[in-house]
Structure formats: structure tokens, C-alpha cells
Amino acid sequence: MFKKILVANRGEIALRVIRAAREMGIGSVAVHSTADSDAMHVRMADESVCIGPPSSQHSYLSIPAIIAACEITGAEAIHPGYGFLSENANFVQIIQDHGLTFIGPTAEHIRVMGDKITAKDTMKKLGVPCVPGSEGGVGSVEEARKLGAEMGYPVIIKATAGGGGKGMKVATSADDMEKAFLTARAEGKSNFGNDEVYIEKYLTTPRHIEIQVFGDGKGRAVHLGERDCSLQRRHQKVFEEAPGPAISPEERARIGKTCADAMADINYIGAGTIEFLYENGEFYFIEMNTRLQVEHPVTEGIFGVDLVREQIRVAAGLPMEFTQENLKINGHAIEVRLNAEKLPDFRPSPGRISQYHAPGGLGVRMDSALYDGYSIPPYYDSLIGKLIVHGRDRPEALSRLGRALGELIIDGIDTTIPLFHALLAEEAVQTGEYNIHWLEHWLETNLGDS
């Protein structure tokens, strides 16, 4: 087992990894920018190293600085968290070249799944169902229009290197195709340095269902059920729950086995999430995230496992502590993402926390790096915490979420807490009868969000 690991991230996810390491008796190293010198993850780690100025490009995304921090502190392994360098195959290769261990999948798996066309082709060969679409990149508007006519509108144009909702445009007819095609290409080029796009059939009322998988890198893999992440704003998840309210035990077993078998076939190691659109009883692969997800706590809640602990164990060469047979769902879990944003336009709202009180009680978990007097810097993502609740069933989890939100105090800045109070009063949320477009429509009607 490792004696010391470095956490190449910040905020609540860095704190999450540090806590797991401490429980395992492993020393932890926090890295931070000058803007994060008083951050909670820096205070909680056994050691810390400043790796640069506030800009992510010169700190959290600086591979030489992170490698140097390992050499200075004697850290043997690096946990990337999510975001930043977590899905950078070049980073993984450099780590290995320096005799260090990356706590996550191989560089090759990250590379294959990072390109959406290659990922789709790979998954097809592994027997995973995919959305109908182009066989590869689409090079011209004329080719795009031809494919649109063959598939039937609407279609969606996606940047092959896209993510986070960027480089995705819908064409509802041939007349829309040129603008959607050129815009998707331009966004792909500006955000990811790659203007290649592909086209898929656009499903009208799907749910966003993702399957949590975990492999040992030696031909053994399991699935840990699904999460429903359909409540989204601009392709960003807002509210996640497990198990999915629309998925039957038979469907879960079927798609779960398909995903686990696929990961076993490629000797996948560590945590991963295979994301699908789900409509009319069918699953359609859209992408795979080769890392820990923001919403992993809801899976931990219903299965009673520590996914970060398991990531560290398998990276150290130890066997998985669970088998498919002993993974049994217990109850229902929900997570809401709390952002430092001002409603109704979701404008970032950094600033000083004048008072912070986390909710508690049975079945309540708060993953956050906030504390009284902390000043949220304006340089990074606006996610400031995740409130996770667990109940014996979905109604109890919803009730517990409402109670916990009522206890939560974050003063001094604007947050998205009021949004969740409002959503819990909606019948569609209470019944679980929503799809990936529901929240956008609700926001337009209730908050004037566009």
C-alpha cells in the first residue's frame, strides 16, 4: 500500500480524497494555487505545496509543478479527483514515466474514451448499445445534411473532443443544419483545439442514465447500478439520484451486466461511468467518463461502499473488496449540487462566507470545503458543495432532502439553495417523471432563464 499520495485537485473533492487516505493510514499531500492558500483541503492534508498563481493553467493544470510537488514530498501516487487533469492521458503517461502511480485508469483507456467517435466505435464492438449516428467525423455541411435526411430530424452535432455541454448543437431541420454544424465546429476548436464533429439522432424526451462501473485491471469488473442525472441546466447536472426512478430491476441487471462485461474485456482499472440516453425502454451510449464522478456519493449511499478507498486499493495492486453478488441496493439516495451563483441568471457569486452551518442527522451527508470566514475565489468552478441524503425509499429521501436544505446555512454569498426548495415542490420531481429537457423548460417558465 502507498505511504503517501498527492491529491491533484482542490475543493470538496480534494477533501474527499484526503479523508479516505487518512482512514486508510496513508499520508496526504495537497497542492494549491496562491488563491487557495487558506482552503480547507490545504488545512486538512498532512502536507501542502503551492504550485502556482491563481490561474488554473499555471497551477492545477501545470503538470511539471505537480510532478515537482511529488518529488519534493516523496508522494508515490497521484489522485486526480475530477476535472482539471483527471482525464488527461498525457498526464497519466508522464506520471508513469516518473515512476509514480496514477490512481485511475490507464492512459490508453483515457485516450480511447476521450475521443467520442473512438469511444462509440469501441463500445459498439464491446456490445454496448449506441445512438444511431455517423460512423465517424463529418467534414462538410453537405455531408451533414445528407446524414440528417437519412436519420430523420432532429439530429445533434457534437464536437468529438467535447464535454460539459460545449460543442453540442441541435438541428431540427435541413435549414438549421449549416448554422448548427458551423457553431459546433467553432466551439470544438475554441474550447478543445479540435474542430472535428459527428452527428447523432436527437432523442426528444430521453432520460440521462449513467452506469457506475469498477474494474481491477485484471479482467474483473462490476457495475454498481445506475444514477439518474436527467435534471440538467445547459447540459450541466443539477440533481442526481440512485436508483433511477424509471429503471426496472430487469433493465438494471441487463445494462449493468453489458457494461461490466465490456470493462472486463478491456481490463479497465478503477472507477468509470458509462453514460446513456434512455428512452422507451432502450439505452443509447453517449460517452464514458474515465474518472470519479461528482455524483459518486449517491452510489456510495445505496451500496455502502467507499469508491475512493477502492480506487486507491486497486491502484496499489490489491483486489477489489466487493463482488457483483454482494452488491445489493439499499434504499434511495439523492444529491443536489450547490453552486455559488445568483439566481435567476446563475451568475457566479464568489465572496466571503459570513456564516456556514451544515445540516446533519440520519442519512445526511454534506461534501463541502466551506467554513466560516472562507473567501471563495473567483477563478474556479462555482460548485461549493454537495448535499447528499439517503432514505429507505424515494419519498423518505425527498423528505429528508427538504429537511436538510432547511437546516443548511450559507450566508455572505448567493447560492442555488432556493432552486432546490422550489424544485421539491414540483410534481414532476416528486414523482420522478422528468427527462433531460424538463428543467430547462421549468427554468424558462419560472426564472426566465435562457
Protein backbone atom coordinates (compact mmCIF):
# COMPACT_ATOMS: atom_id res chain seq x y z
CA MET A 1 0.00 0.00 0.00
CA PHE A 2 1.10 3.57 -0.62
CA LYS A 3 2.58 5.54 2.25
CA LYS A 4 1.78 8.94 0.76
CA ILE A 5 -0.43 10.20 -2.06
CA LEU A 6 -0.75 13.61 -3.67
CA VAL A 7 -4.19 14.99 -4.49
CA ALA A 8 -4.03 16.94 -7.75
CA ASN A 9 -7.22 18.93 -7.18
CA ARG A 10 -8.95 21.40 -4.88
CA GLY A 11 -12.20 22.00 -3.01
CA GLU A 12 -14.59 19.31 -1.81
CA ILE A 13 -13.20 16.53 -3.98
CA ALA A 14 -9.65 17.09 -2.70
CA LEU A 15 -11.02 16.97 0.84
CA ARG A 16 -12.93 13.78 -0.02
CA VAL A 17 -9.73 12.01 -1.13
CA ILE A 18 -7.73 13.28 1.85
CA ARG A 19 -10.35 11.87 4.22
CA ALA A 20 -10.25 8.45 2.55
CA ALA A 21 -6.45 8.40 2.69
CA ARG A 22 -6.45 9.28 6.39
CA GLU A 23 -8.86 6.46 7.19
CA MET A 24 -6.50 4.10 5.36
CA GLY A 25 -3.47 5.34 7.26
CA ILE A 26 -1.98 6.96 4.16
CA GLY A 27 -0.27 10.36 4.25
CA SER A 28 -1.70 13.07 2.01
CA VAL A 29 -0.23 15.99 0.09
CA ALA A 30 -2.39 18.91 -1.02
CA VAL A 31 -1.38 21.15 -3.89
CA HIS A 32 -2.77 24.64 -4.18
CA SER A 33 -2.57 27.92 -6.02
CA THR A 34 -1.80 31.17 -4.20
CA ALA A 35 -5.56 31.88 -4.24
CA ASP A 36 -6.20 28.66 -2.29
CA SER A 37 -3.58 29.03 0.43
CA ASP A 38 -6.31 29.12 3.12
CA ALA A 39 -8.52 26.44 1.54
CA MET A 40 -9.84 23.60 3.68
CA HIS A 41 -8.10 20.88 1.67
CA VAL A 42 -4.78 22.59 2.38
CA ARG A 43 -5.56 22.76 6.09
CA MET A 44 -6.66 19.12 6.28
CA ALA A 45 -3.80 17.49 4.36
CA ASP A 46 -0.67 16.26 6.11
CA GLU A 47 1.48 18.38 3.79
CA SER A 48 0.86 21.07 1.21
CA VAL A 49 2.75 22.57 -1.71
CA CYS A 50 1.98 25.82 -3.53
CA ILE A 51 2.20 25.11 -7.25
CA GLY A 52 1.47 28.47 -8.84
CA PRO A 53 -0.65 31.60 -9.21
CA PRO A 54 -4.48 31.66 -9.23
CA SER A 55 -4.81 30.78 -12.93
CA SER A 56 -5.60 27.06 -13.33
CA GLN A 57 -3.37 26.97 -16.39
CA HIS A 58 -0.37 27.84 -14.23
CA SER A 59 -1.30 25.81 -11.15
CA TYR A 60 -3.81 22.94 -11.14
CA LEU A 61 -3.20 22.25 -14.84
CA SER A 62 0.59 22.55 -14.60
CA ILE A 63 1.93 19.02 -14.98
CA PRO A 64 5.58 19.98 -14.21
CA ALA A 65 4.50 21.70 -10.99
CA ILE A 66 2.50 18.68 -9.84
CA ILE A 67 5.31 16.25 -10.63
CA ALA A 68 7.76 18.52 -8.78
CA ALA A 69 5.43 18.52 -5.76
CA CYS A 70 5.57 14.71 -5.74
CA GLU A 71 9.35 14.75 -5.88
CA ILE A 72 9.61 17.33 -3.08
CA THR A 73 7.27 15.45 -0.74
CA GLY A 74 8.04 11.85 -1.68
CA ALA A 75 4.46 11.09 -2.72
CA GLU A 76 4.22 7.76 -4.53
CA ALA A 77 0.86 8.15 -6.23
CA ILE A 78 -1.45 10.87 -7.54
CA HIS A 79 -5.22 11.00 -7.22
CA PRO A 80 -6.68 13.43 -9.80
CA GLY A 81 -10.20 13.89 -8.40
CA TYR A 82 -12.45 15.10 -11.22
CA GLY A 83 -11.97 17.93 -13.67
CA PHE A 84 -8.57 19.54 -14.24
CA LEU A 85 -6.14 16.75 -15.31
CA SER A 86 -8.31 13.78 -14.34
CA GLU A 87 -8.88 12.69 -17.95
CA ASN A 88 -5.60 13.81 -19.48
CA ALA A 89 -3.83 10.79 -20.97
CA ASN A 90 -0.58 12.71 -21.37
CA PHE A 91 -0.60 13.47 -17.63
CA VAL A 92 -1.00 9.77 -16.84
CA GLN A 93 1.87 8.83 -19.13
CA ILE A 94 4.17 11.43 -17.57
CA ILE A 95 3.27 10.19 -14.08
CA GLN A 96 4.22 6.65 -15.07
CA ASP A 97 7.42 7.85 -16.77
CA HIS A 98 8.47 9.35 -13.42
CA GLY A 99 7.94 6.05 -11.60
CA LEU A 100 4.73 7.24 -9.91
CA THR A 101 1.29 5.64 -9.83
CA PHE A 102 -1.84 7.25 -11.25
CA ILE A 103 -4.91 6.42 -9.17
CA GLY A 104 -7.23 5.80 -12.09
CA PRO A 105 -7.39 4.07 -15.47
CA THR A 106 -4.59 3.65 -17.98
CA ALA A 107 -3.54 6.38 -20.38
CA GLU A 108 -4.81 4.26 -23.26
CA HIS A 109 -8.30 3.88 -21.80
CA ILE A 110 -8.48 7.62 -21.14
CA ARG A 111 -7.31 8.34 -24.68
CA VAL A 112 -9.82 5.97 -26.29
CA MET A 113 -12.79 7.19 -24.27
CA GLY A 114 -11.76 10.84 -24.53
CA ASP A 115 -12.47 10.90 -28.26
CA LYS A 116 -16.19 10.41 -28.65
CA ILE A 117 -16.02 8.80 -32.09
CA THR A 118 -13.38 6.28 -30.99
CA ALA A 119 -15.30 5.68 -27.76
CA LYS A 120 -18.50 4.96 -29.67
CA ASP A 121 -16.76 2.60 -32.07
CA THR A 122 -15.10 0.80 -29.15
CA MET A 123 -18.35 0.43 -27.26
CA LYS A 124 -20.15 -0.90 -30.33
CA LYS A 125 -17.52 -3.61 -30.66
CA LEU A 126 -17.95 -4.44 -26.97
CA GLY A 127 -21.70 -4.91 -27.40
CA VAL A 128 -22.82 -1.68 -25.74
CA PRO A 129 -25.92 -0.13 -27.43
CA CYS A 130 -25.26 3.23 -29.12
CA VAL A 131 -27.28 6.13 -30.51
CA PRO A 132 -27.73 5.91 -34.31
CA GLY A 133 -25.34 8.32 -35.97
CA SER A 134 -22.41 8.94 -38.29
CA GLU A 135 -19.71 6.31 -38.47
CA GLY A 136 -17.02 8.92 -37.86
CA GLY A 137 -16.29 12.60 -38.22
CA VAL A 138 -18.41 14.66 -40.58
CA GLY A 139 -16.42 17.05 -42.75
CA SER A 140 -18.94 19.26 -44.51
CA VAL A 141 -22.39 20.81 -44.25
CA GLU A 142 -23.47 18.84 -47.33
CA GLU A 143 -22.47 15.54 -45.73
CA ALA A 144 -24.23 16.60 -42.54
CA ARG A 145 -27.46 17.40 -44.41
CA LYS A 146 -27.34 14.02 -46.16
CA LEU A 147 -26.95 12.20 -42.83
CA GLY A 148 -29.74 14.28 -41.32
CA ALA A 149 -32.10 13.26 -44.10
CA GLU A 150 -31.16 9.58 -43.67
CA MET A 151 -31.56 9.56 -39.87
CA GLY A 152 -34.52 11.89 -39.72
CA TYR A 153 -34.59 15.18 -37.85
CA PRO A 154 -33.91 16.34 -35.20
CA VAL A 155 -30.20 15.48 -35.02
CA ILE A 156 -27.44 16.72 -32.76
CA ILE A 157 -23.98 17.79 -33.90
CA LYS A 158 -21.24 17.12 -31.33
CA ALA A 159 -17.57 18.04 -31.11
CA THR A 160 -15.57 14.80 -30.90
CA ALA A 161 -13.45 16.22 -28.07
CA GLY A 162 -16.39 17.97 -26.39
CA GLY A 163 -17.64 17.88 -22.85
CA GLY A 164 -19.59 19.89 -20.33
CA GLY A 165 -22.22 20.78 -22.90
CA LYS A 166 -19.75 22.64 -25.15
CA GLY A 167 -19.65 21.90 -28.88
CA MET A 168 -23.19 20.45 -28.99
CA LYS A 169 -25.87 21.91 -31.28
CA VAL A 170 -29.29 20.60 -32.35
CA ALA A 171 -30.59 20.86 -35.91
CA THR A 172 -34.36 20.43 -36.19
CA SER A 173 -34.40 20.56 -39.99
CA ALA A 174 -32.12 20.82 -43.01
CA ASP A 175 -32.49 24.61 -42.82
CA ASP A 176 -30.88 24.61 -39.34
CA MET A 177 -28.00 22.35 -40.27
CA GLU A 178 -25.45 24.86 -41.57
CA LYS A 179 -25.62 27.12 -38.51
CA ALA A 180 -25.62 24.20 -36.03
CA PHE A 181 -22.77 22.45 -37.85
CA LEU A 182 -20.52 25.51 -38.07
CA THR A 183 -21.24 26.58 -34.48
CA ALA A 184 -20.42 23.12 -33.08
CA ARG A 185 -17.16 23.09 -35.05
CA ALA A 186 -16.22 26.57 -33.85
CA GLU A 187 -16.94 25.69 -30.21
CA GLY A 188 -14.95 22.48 -30.51
CA LYS A 189 -11.99 24.41 -31.93
CA SER A 190 -12.07 27.20 -29.34
CA ASN A 191 -12.68 25.00 -26.29
CA PHE A 192 -10.77 21.82 -27.13
CA GLY A 193 -8.43 22.68 -30.01
CA ASN A 194 -10.25 20.20 -32.25
CA ASP A 195 -13.00 21.15 -34.72
CA GLU A 196 -13.98 17.62 -35.75
CA VAL A 197 -17.68 16.87 -35.22
CA TYR A 198 -20.01 13.91 -35.58
CA ILE A 199 -23.78 13.57 -35.82
CA GLU A 200 -26.31 11.52 -33.86
CA LYS A 201 -30.04 11.10 -33.85
CA TYR A 202 -31.52 13.52 -31.31
CA LEU A 203 -33.85 11.77 -28.91
CA THR A 204 -36.79 14.01 -27.97
CA THR A 205 -37.67 13.00 -24.40
CA PRO A 206 -34.84 10.85 -23.04
CA ARG A 207 -33.55 10.49 -19.51
CA HIS A 208 -29.84 10.70 -18.71
CA ILE A 209 -28.86 7.41 -17.09
CA GLU A 210 -25.30 6.54 -16.14
CA ILE A 211 -23.90 3.22 -15.01
CA GLN A 212 -21.15 3.17 -12.39
CA VAL A 213 -18.50 0.58 -13.23
CA PHE A 214 -15.37 -0.51 -11.43
CA GLY A 215 -12.55 -2.76 -12.61
CA ASP A 216 -9.41 -4.26 -11.15
CA GLY A 217 -7.35 -4.04 -14.35
CA LYS A 218 -7.03 -7.82 -14.43
CA GLY A 219 -10.15 -8.81 -16.29
CA ARG A 220 -12.64 -8.45 -13.47
CA ALA A 221 -15.25 -5.69 -13.37
CA VAL A 222 -18.56 -4.96 -11.69
CA HIS A 223 -21.36 -2.44 -12.02
CA LEU A 224 -22.87 -0.51 -9.14
CA GLY A 225 -26.25 0.23 -10.64
CA GLU A 226 -27.35 3.46 -12.25
CA ARG A 227 -27.78 7.12 -11.42
CA ASP A 228 -30.47 9.27 -12.99
CA CYS A 229 -28.96 12.66 -13.83
CA SER A 230 -31.75 13.99 -16.06
CA LEU A 231 -32.32 17.27 -14.22
CA GLN A 232 -29.82 19.44 -16.08
CA ARG A 233 -29.27 23.06 -16.98
CA ARG A 234 -27.32 23.67 -20.19
CA HIS A 235 -26.08 20.06 -20.11
CA GLN A 236 -24.77 20.53 -16.55
CA LYS A 237 -26.21 18.15 -13.95
CA VAL A 238 -28.07 19.75 -11.05
CA PHE A 239 -29.88 16.91 -9.23
CA GLU A 240 -28.86 13.25 -9.25
CA GLU A 241 -30.44 10.17 -7.71
CA ALA A 242 -29.96 6.44 -7.39
CA PRO A 243 -31.50 4.14 -8.21
CA GLY A 244 -33.20 5.74 -11.21
CA PRO A 245 -36.96 6.10 -10.67
CA ALA A 246 -37.71 4.93 -14.21
CA ILE A 247 -35.41 1.88 -14.35
CA SER A 248 -36.70 -1.59 -13.53
CA PRO A 249 -34.58 -4.23 -11.77
CA GLU A 250 -34.55 -6.25 -15.01
CA GLU A 251 -33.30 -3.29 -17.06
CA ARG A 252 -30.67 -2.51 -14.41
CA ALA A 253 -29.36 -6.06 -14.45
CA ARG A 254 -29.30 -6.17 -18.25
CA ILE A 255 -27.49 -2.89 -18.95
CA GLY A 256 -25.31 -3.28 -15.86
CA LYS A 257 -24.02 -6.66 -16.98
CA THR A 258 -23.40 -5.34 -20.50
CA CYS A 259 -21.26 -2.52 -19.08
CA ALA A 260 -19.40 -4.67 -16.58
CA ASP A 261 -18.61 -7.27 -19.25
CA ALA A 262 -17.32 -4.55 -21.57
CA MET A 263 -14.98 -3.20 -18.88
CA ALA A 264 -13.76 -6.69 -18.04
CA ASP A 265 -13.00 -7.29 -21.73
CA ILE A 266 -10.66 -4.27 -21.90
CA ASN A 267 -9.10 -4.83 -18.43
CA TYR A 268 -10.35 -1.47 -17.20
CA ILE A 269 -8.96 -0.38 -13.82
CA GLY A 270 -10.63 1.84 -11.25
CA ALA A 271 -13.85 3.83 -11.33
CA GLY A 272 -15.64 4.81 -14.52
CA THR A 273 -19.08 5.89 -15.61
CA ILE A 274 -20.80 4.86 -18.82
CA GLU A 275 -23.43 7.42 -19.76
CA PHE A 276 -26.59 6.70 -21.72
CA LEU A 277 -29.69 8.35 -23.03
CA TYR A 278 -32.69 6.22 -22.11
CA GLU A 279 -35.97 6.37 -23.98
CA ASN A 280 -38.83 3.90 -24.47
CA GLY A 281 -37.03 1.14 -22.62
CA GLU A 282 -33.81 1.40 -24.66
CA PHE A 283 -30.33 2.58 -23.65
CA TYR A 284 -28.09 4.52 -26.05
CA PHE A 285 -24.41 5.09 -25.18
CA ILE A 286 -23.25 8.70 -25.36
CA GLU A 287 -19.88 8.80 -23.58
CA MET A 288 -17.70 7.34 -20.86
CA ASN A 289 -16.05 9.31 -18.07
CA THR A 290 -12.83 7.61 -17.03
CA ARG A 291 -12.78 9.09 -13.53
CA LEU A 292 -14.73 9.55 -10.34
CA GLN A 293 -17.98 11.46 -10.90
CA VAL A 294 -19.18 14.48 -8.95
CA GLU A 295 -22.28 12.45 -8.06
CA HIS A 296 -20.48 9.32 -6.84
CA PRO A 297 -21.83 9.77 -3.25
CA VAL A 298 -25.34 8.64 -4.25
CA THR A 299 -23.89 5.32 -5.41
CA GLU A 300 -21.91 5.04 -2.18
CA GLY A 301 -25.11 5.75 -0.29
CA ILE A 302 -27.16 2.91 -1.71
CA PHE A 303 -24.37 0.33 -1.82
CA GLY A 304 -22.48 1.23 1.35
CA VAL A 305 -19.08 1.30 -0.38
CA ASP A 306 -16.24 3.82 -0.42
CA LEU A 307 -15.32 4.29 -4.08
CA VAL A 308 -12.25 6.43 -3.34
CA ARG A 309 -10.87 3.83 -0.95
CA GLU A 310 -11.43 1.22 -3.65
CA GLN A 311 -9.67 3.39 -6.26
CA ILE A 312 -6.62 3.61 -4.02
CA ARG A 313 -6.63 -0.11 -3.27
CA VAL A 314 -6.73 -1.33 -6.86
CA ALA A 315 -4.14 1.26 -7.92
CA ALA A 316 -1.87 -0.30 -5.29
CA GLY A 317 -2.43 -3.73 -6.83
CA LEU A 318 -4.89 -5.06 -4.27
CA PRO A 319 -8.06 -6.93 -5.26
CA MET A 320 -11.50 -5.31 -5.18
CA GLU A 321 -13.23 -5.68 -1.84
CA PHE A 322 -16.62 -6.46 -3.39
CA THR A 323 -18.06 -8.81 -5.99
CA GLN A 324 -21.14 -8.38 -8.15
CA GLU A 325 -23.01 -10.88 -5.99
CA ASN A 326 -22.57 -8.92 -2.76
CA LEU A 327 -23.50 -5.54 -4.23
CA LYS A 328 -27.10 -5.07 -3.11
CA ILE A 329 -29.09 -1.84 -3.34
CA ASN A 330 -30.25 -0.44 -0.02
CA GLY A 331 -32.78 2.41 -0.17
CA HIS A 332 -32.59 5.59 -2.21
CA ALA A 333 -30.08 8.46 -2.38
CA ILE A 334 -30.27 11.97 -3.85
CA GLU A 335 -27.57 14.60 -4.40
CA VAL A 336 -28.04 18.29 -5.18
CA ARG A 337 -25.16 20.43 -6.42
CA LEU A 338 -24.80 23.69 -4.52
CA ASN A 339 -23.22 26.49 -6.53
CA ALA A 340 -22.10 29.99 -5.61
CA GLU A 341 -24.42 31.54 -8.18
CA LYS A 342 -27.03 34.28 -8.14
CA LEU A 343 -30.50 33.43 -9.39
CA PRO A 344 -32.24 33.83 -11.76
CA ASP A 345 -29.37 34.11 -14.24
CA PHE A 346 -26.93 31.79 -12.40
CA ARG A 347 -24.24 34.45 -12.40
CA PRO A 348 -21.13 33.38 -10.38
CA SER A 349 -21.19 34.78 -6.85
CA PRO A 350 -17.77 34.43 -5.22
CA GLY A 351 -17.13 36.15 -1.90
CA ARG A 352 -16.66 35.72 1.83
CA ILE A 353 -18.73 33.20 3.80
CA SER A 354 -20.02 35.07 6.85
CA GLN A 355 -21.80 32.03 8.33
CA TYR A 356 -21.82 28.35 7.42
CA HIS A 357 -23.80 25.57 9.08
CA ALA A 358 -24.01 22.11 7.56
CA PRO A 359 -27.15 20.03 8.06
CA GLY A 360 -26.94 16.76 9.98
CA GLY A 361 -28.97 13.86 11.23
CA LEU A 362 -29.65 10.36 9.99
CA GLY A 363 -28.97 9.85 6.29
CA VAL A 364 -27.49 13.30 5.63
CA ARG A 365 -24.04 13.90 4.13
CA MET A 366 -22.54 17.26 3.22
CA ASP A 367 -19.46 17.24 0.99
CA SER A 368 -18.05 20.76 1.07
CA ALA A 369 -14.83 22.63 1.78
CA LEU A 370 -16.61 25.71 3.16
CA TYR A 371 -16.07 27.19 6.62
CA ASP A 372 -16.96 30.41 8.45
CA GLY A 373 -14.88 33.29 7.10
CA TYR A 374 -13.67 31.45 3.99
CA SER A 375 -13.46 33.59 0.86
CA ILE A 376 -14.49 31.76 -2.31
CA PRO A 377 -12.03 32.77 -5.05
CA PRO A 378 -13.41 33.90 -8.42
CA TYR A 379 -11.03 31.79 -10.51
CA TYR A 380 -12.61 28.34 -10.42
CA ASP A 381 -15.83 26.39 -10.89
CA SER A 382 -18.76 27.71 -8.85
CA LEU A 383 -19.53 24.33 -7.19
CA ILE A 384 -19.16 24.86 -3.43
CA GLY A 385 -20.79 21.77 -2.03
CA LYS A 386 -22.92 18.70 -2.50
CA LEU A 387 -25.79 17.79 -0.21
CA ILE A 388 -26.50 14.05 -0.26
CA VAL A 389 -29.35 12.31 1.53
CA HIS A 390 -30.24 8.64 1.92
CA GLY A 391 -33.57 7.14 2.86
CA ARG A 392 -35.31 3.77 2.97
CA ASP A 393 -37.15 4.74 -0.22
CA ARG A 394 -37.50 7.69 -2.60
CA PRO A 395 -40.26 9.51 -0.68
CA GLU A 396 -38.21 9.37 2.51
CA ALA A 397 -35.11 10.61 0.67
CA LEU A 398 -37.08 13.55 -0.79
CA SER A 399 -38.49 14.42 2.62
CA ARG A 400 -35.03 14.22 4.18
CA LEU A 401 -33.61 16.44 1.43
CA GLY A 402 -36.23 19.10 2.16
CA ARG A 403 -35.44 18.96 5.87
CA ALA A 404 -31.68 19.14 5.28
CA LEU A 405 -31.99 22.09 2.90
CA GLY A 406 -33.95 23.88 5.60
CA GLU A 407 -31.08 23.40 8.06
CA LEU A 408 -28.33 24.45 5.66
CA ILE A 409 -26.95 27.96 6.17
CA ILE A 410 -24.54 29.61 3.72
CA ASP A 411 -24.52 33.36 4.32
CA GLY A 412 -22.47 36.10 2.68
CA ILE A 413 -22.91 34.96 -0.92
CA ASP A 414 -25.73 33.99 -3.26
CA THR A 415 -26.28 30.26 -3.81
CA THR A 416 -28.59 27.91 -5.68
CA ILE A 417 -30.22 26.64 -2.48
CA PRO A 418 -33.55 28.39 -3.29
CA LEU A 419 -33.69 26.49 -6.59
CA PHE A 420 -33.91 23.16 -4.78
CA HIS A 421 -36.57 24.35 -2.37
CA ALA A 422 -38.64 25.27 -5.42
CA LEU A 423 -37.94 22.03 -7.30
CA LEU A 424 -39.00 19.87 -4.37
CA ALA A 425 -42.47 21.43 -4.59
CA GLU A 426 -42.88 20.36 -8.24
CA GLU A 427 -44.99 17.30 -9.01
CA ALA A 428 -42.59 16.06 -11.70
CA VAL A 429 -39.75 15.97 -9.18
CA GLN A 430 -41.92 14.39 -6.51
CA THR A 431 -42.99 11.61 -8.89
CA GLY A 432 -39.68 11.29 -10.75
CA GLU A 433 -41.43 11.80 -14.09
CA TYR A 434 -38.95 14.11 -15.78
CA ASN A 435 -36.50 13.99 -18.70
CA ILE A 436 -33.37 15.89 -19.72
CA HIS A 437 -35.39 18.82 -21.10
CA TRP A 438 -37.75 19.28 -18.13
CA LEU A 439 -35.55 21.56 -16.02
CA GLU A 440 -34.71 23.87 -18.93
CA HIS A 441 -38.41 24.36 -19.63
CA TRP A 442 -39.14 24.88 -15.93
CA LEU A 443 -36.41 27.48 -15.61
CA GLU A 444 -37.68 29.42 -18.63
CA THR A 445 -41.16 29.50 -17.14
CA ASN A 446 -40.27 30.16 -13.52
CA LEU A 447 -36.96 32.04 -13.58
CA GLY A 448 -36.80 33.40 -17.11
CA ASP A 449 -33.52 31.54 -17.65
CA SER A 450 -32.38 31.34 -21.24
